[in-house]
Protein backbone atom coordinates (compact mmCIF):
# COMPACT_ATOMS: atom_id res chain seq x y z
CA MET A 1 0.24 9.26 5.55
CA ARG A 2 1.48 6.07 3.95
CA ILE A 3 0.11 3.06 2.10
CA ILE A 4 0.10 -0.27 3.90
CA ILE A 5 -0.53 -3.82 2.73
CA ASP A 6 -2.18 -6.28 5.12
CA LYS A 7 -0.29 -9.54 4.55
CA GLU A 8 -3.06 -11.53 6.26
CA ILE A 9 -5.59 -10.41 3.64
CA CYS A 10 -3.31 -10.26 0.56
CA CYS A 11 -4.05 -13.06 -1.90
CA GLY A 12 -1.01 -12.42 -4.10
CA SER A 13 -3.06 -11.86 -7.26
CA GLY A 14 -0.62 -9.23 -8.52
CA VAL A 15 -3.32 -6.85 -9.72
CA CYS A 16 -1.83 -4.09 -7.56
CA ILE A 17 1.52 -4.60 -9.25
CA SER A 18 0.05 -4.12 -12.71
CA VAL A 19 -1.59 -0.77 -11.82
CA CYS A 20 1.35 0.78 -9.96
CA PRO A 21 3.06 3.28 -12.31
CA GLU A 22 6.04 3.59 -9.95
CA ASN A 23 6.75 -0.18 -9.85
CA ALA A 24 6.70 0.14 -6.07
CA ILE A 25 4.98 -3.22 -5.43
CA THR A 26 6.53 -6.65 -5.84
CA LEU A 27 5.56 -10.16 -4.80
CA PHE A 28 7.60 -11.90 -2.13
CA ASP A 29 6.57 -15.31 -0.78
CA GLY A 30 3.24 -14.92 -2.57
CA LYS A 31 2.37 -11.61 -0.90
CA ALA A 32 2.52 -8.02 -2.14
CA ASN A 33 5.35 -5.93 -0.73
CA LEU A 34 5.55 -2.15 -1.00
CA ASN A 35 8.78 -0.24 -1.52
CA GLU A 36 7.88 2.98 0.29
CA LYS A 37 10.81 4.84 -1.28
CA LYS A 38 9.32 4.31 -4.76
CA CYS A 39 5.68 4.85 -3.75
CA ASP A 40 4.20 8.23 -4.72
CA LEU A 41 1.05 7.68 -2.61
CA ASP A 42 -1.32 8.04 -5.59
CA GLY A 43 -3.36 5.12 -4.25
CA LEU A 44 -4.11 3.44 -7.58
CA CYS A 45 -3.34 0.10 -5.95
CA ILE A 46 -6.02 0.51 -3.26
CA PRO A 47 -9.14 -0.02 -5.39
CA ALA A 48 -7.27 -2.53 -7.59
CA CYS A 49 -6.81 -5.00 -4.73
CA PRO A 50 -9.56 -7.64 -5.03
CA HIS A 51 -9.52 -8.35 -1.28
CA GLY A 52 -9.10 -4.85 0.15
CA ALA A 53 -5.66 -5.61 1.58
CA ILE A 54 -4.23 -2.20 0.67
CA GLY A 55 -5.11 1.10 2.28
CA TYR A 56 -3.86 4.38 3.63
CA GLU A 57 -2.52 4.63 7.16
CA VAL A 58 -2.65 8.08 8.66
CA GLU A 59 0.18 8.59 11.09
CA ASP A 60 -0.73 10.11 14.43
CA SER A 61 0.00 13.80 14.65
CA PRO A 62 0.73 15.59 17.88
CA GLY A 63 -2.31 16.91 19.67
CA GLY A 64 -3.16 20.48 20.46
CA CYS A 65 -1.29 23.19 18.60
CA GLY A 66 1.31 20.81 17.19
CA PHE A 67 3.91 21.61 19.83
């Protein structure tokens, strides 16, 4: 699982930046950018985004028994 930011929806308000305790989000060219190495996946930025541009992405896991 990881957090993703949809650049098409991001308005660049910076609210997500102010709520991120890890300072993992910055603005670049007027859009929020996530530093995944700093992100602790707490998701505080998700409800803070006024346009819903931030969310969790669940990576596909192998099917069956995991083999």
